[in-house]
Protein backbone atom coordinates (compact mmCIF):
# COMPACT_ATOMS: atom_id res chain seq x y z
CA MET A 1 0.00 0.00 0.00
CA ALA A 2 1.44 3.38 -1.05
CA ARG A 3 1.83 6.05 1.59
CA THR A 4 0.01 9.33 1.23
CA PRO A 5 2.04 12.57 1.02
CA GLU A 6 0.95 13.34 4.60
CA ALA A 7 2.09 9.92 5.86
CA LYS A 8 5.49 10.32 4.16
CA PHE A 9 5.92 13.79 5.65
CA GLN A 10 4.89 12.51 9.08
CA ALA A 11 7.33 9.58 9.02
CA LYS A 12 10.25 11.88 8.14
CA LEU A 13 9.11 14.42 10.71
CA ARG A 14 9.07 11.84 13.50
CA LYS A 15 12.64 10.81 12.69
CA GLU A 16 13.74 14.45 12.54
CA ILE A 17 12.16 15.27 15.90
CA GLU A 18 13.70 12.23 17.60
CA SER A 19 17.09 13.21 16.16
CA MET A 20 16.69 16.86 17.18
CA PHE A 21 15.69 15.89 20.73
CA PRO A 22 17.78 12.85 21.76
CA GLY A 23 15.80 10.62 24.08
CA SER A 24 12.46 11.98 22.91
CA MET A 25 9.61 9.72 21.86
CA THR A 26 6.97 10.39 19.22
CA PHE A 27 3.67 8.56 19.16
CA LYS A 28 1.03 8.36 16.45
CA VAL A 29 -2.30 9.21 18.11
CA ASP A 30 -5.38 7.24 17.10
CA SER A 31 -8.16 9.76 16.47
CA ILE A 32 -10.82 7.07 16.81
CA ASP A 33 -10.79 7.75 20.54
CA ARG A 34 -11.28 11.51 20.13
CA GLN A 35 -12.16 12.87 16.69
CA GLY A 36 -9.89 15.75 15.80
CA ALA A 37 -7.07 14.97 18.22
CA PRO A 38 -3.66 15.96 16.76
CA ASP A 39 -1.96 12.97 15.18
CA LEU A 40 1.46 13.16 16.88
CA LEU A 41 2.41 13.29 20.54
CA VAL A 42 6.00 14.21 21.35
CA LEU A 43 7.43 13.48 24.81
CA TYR A 44 10.76 14.96 25.91
CA LYS A 45 12.28 15.39 29.37
CA GLY A 46 8.99 15.75 31.20
CA LYS A 47 7.44 18.01 28.55
CA TRP A 48 5.07 17.26 25.71
CA ALA A 49 3.80 18.64 22.43
CA ALA A 50 0.95 17.72 20.09
CA LEU A 51 1.37 18.16 16.33
CA GLU A 52 -1.20 17.88 13.57
CA SER A 53 0.69 17.00 10.40
CA LYS A 54 -0.65 18.19 7.06
CA LYS A 55 0.59 17.43 3.56
CA ASP A 56 0.79 21.16 2.73
CA ASP A 57 -0.37 24.56 3.96
CA HIS A 58 -3.57 24.29 1.88
CA ALA A 59 -4.78 21.06 3.51
CA SER A 60 -8.07 21.53 5.30
CA PHE A 61 -8.76 20.69 8.91
CA ARG A 62 -11.14 17.92 9.86
CA PRO A 63 -13.86 18.48 12.47
CA ASN A 64 -12.48 19.46 15.89
CA GLN A 65 -8.81 19.63 14.84
CA GLU A 66 -8.47 23.38 15.30
CA TYR A 67 -10.37 23.13 18.60
CA TYR A 68 -7.97 20.53 20.02
CA ILE A 69 -4.89 22.35 18.76
CA ASP A 70 -6.08 25.48 20.58
CA ILE A 71 -6.93 23.65 23.83
CA LEU A 72 -3.71 21.62 23.88
CA ASN A 73 -1.58 24.65 23.03
CA LYS A 74 -2.95 26.37 26.14
CA MET A 75 -1.81 23.34 28.20
CA SER A 76 1.66 22.99 26.68
CA PHE A 77 2.43 23.17 22.94
CA ALA A 78 0.30 22.24 19.93
CA ARG A 79 0.54 23.28 16.30
CA PRO A 80 -0.42 22.20 12.82
CA ILE A 81 2.76 21.35 10.92
CA CYS A 82 3.39 20.98 7.18
CA PRO A 83 6.47 21.24 4.94
CA GLU A 84 5.91 24.99 4.49
CA ASN A 85 5.93 25.86 8.21
CA LYS A 86 8.04 22.97 9.54
CA GLN A 87 11.15 25.01 10.35
CA GLU A 88 9.15 27.65 12.22
CA VAL A 89 7.22 25.06 14.24
CA LEU A 90 10.38 23.11 15.09
CA ARG A 91 12.08 26.34 16.18
CA ASP A 92 9.11 27.09 18.46
CA LEU A 93 9.23 23.51 19.76
CA GLN A 94 12.91 23.96 20.62
CA GLN A 95 11.98 27.00 22.70
CA THR A 96 9.29 25.01 24.50
CA PHE A 97 11.57 22.03 25.17
CA ARG A 98 14.53 24.17 26.25
CA THR A 99 15.67 23.00 29.67
């Protein structure tokens, strides 16, 4: 089965995050439990982030995705991430994970 552009981006992103933050763990979140939950959870040194990966900056949000990104960002860090904004989001994540 061929991977979608979003799945390819997400797989590379997970490897990049785990390389950028040694000892971190990334988990693919199953949205069946909560429709609209961001699809990646990143854990690093007692901190966490939620990322909603998109294939590009024109990809639309599914129901509740923007709601959960907003709520989770107020708790810690949550963002939509795509190839076009990846560097900015990862820079912001570095600031959040700074120890």
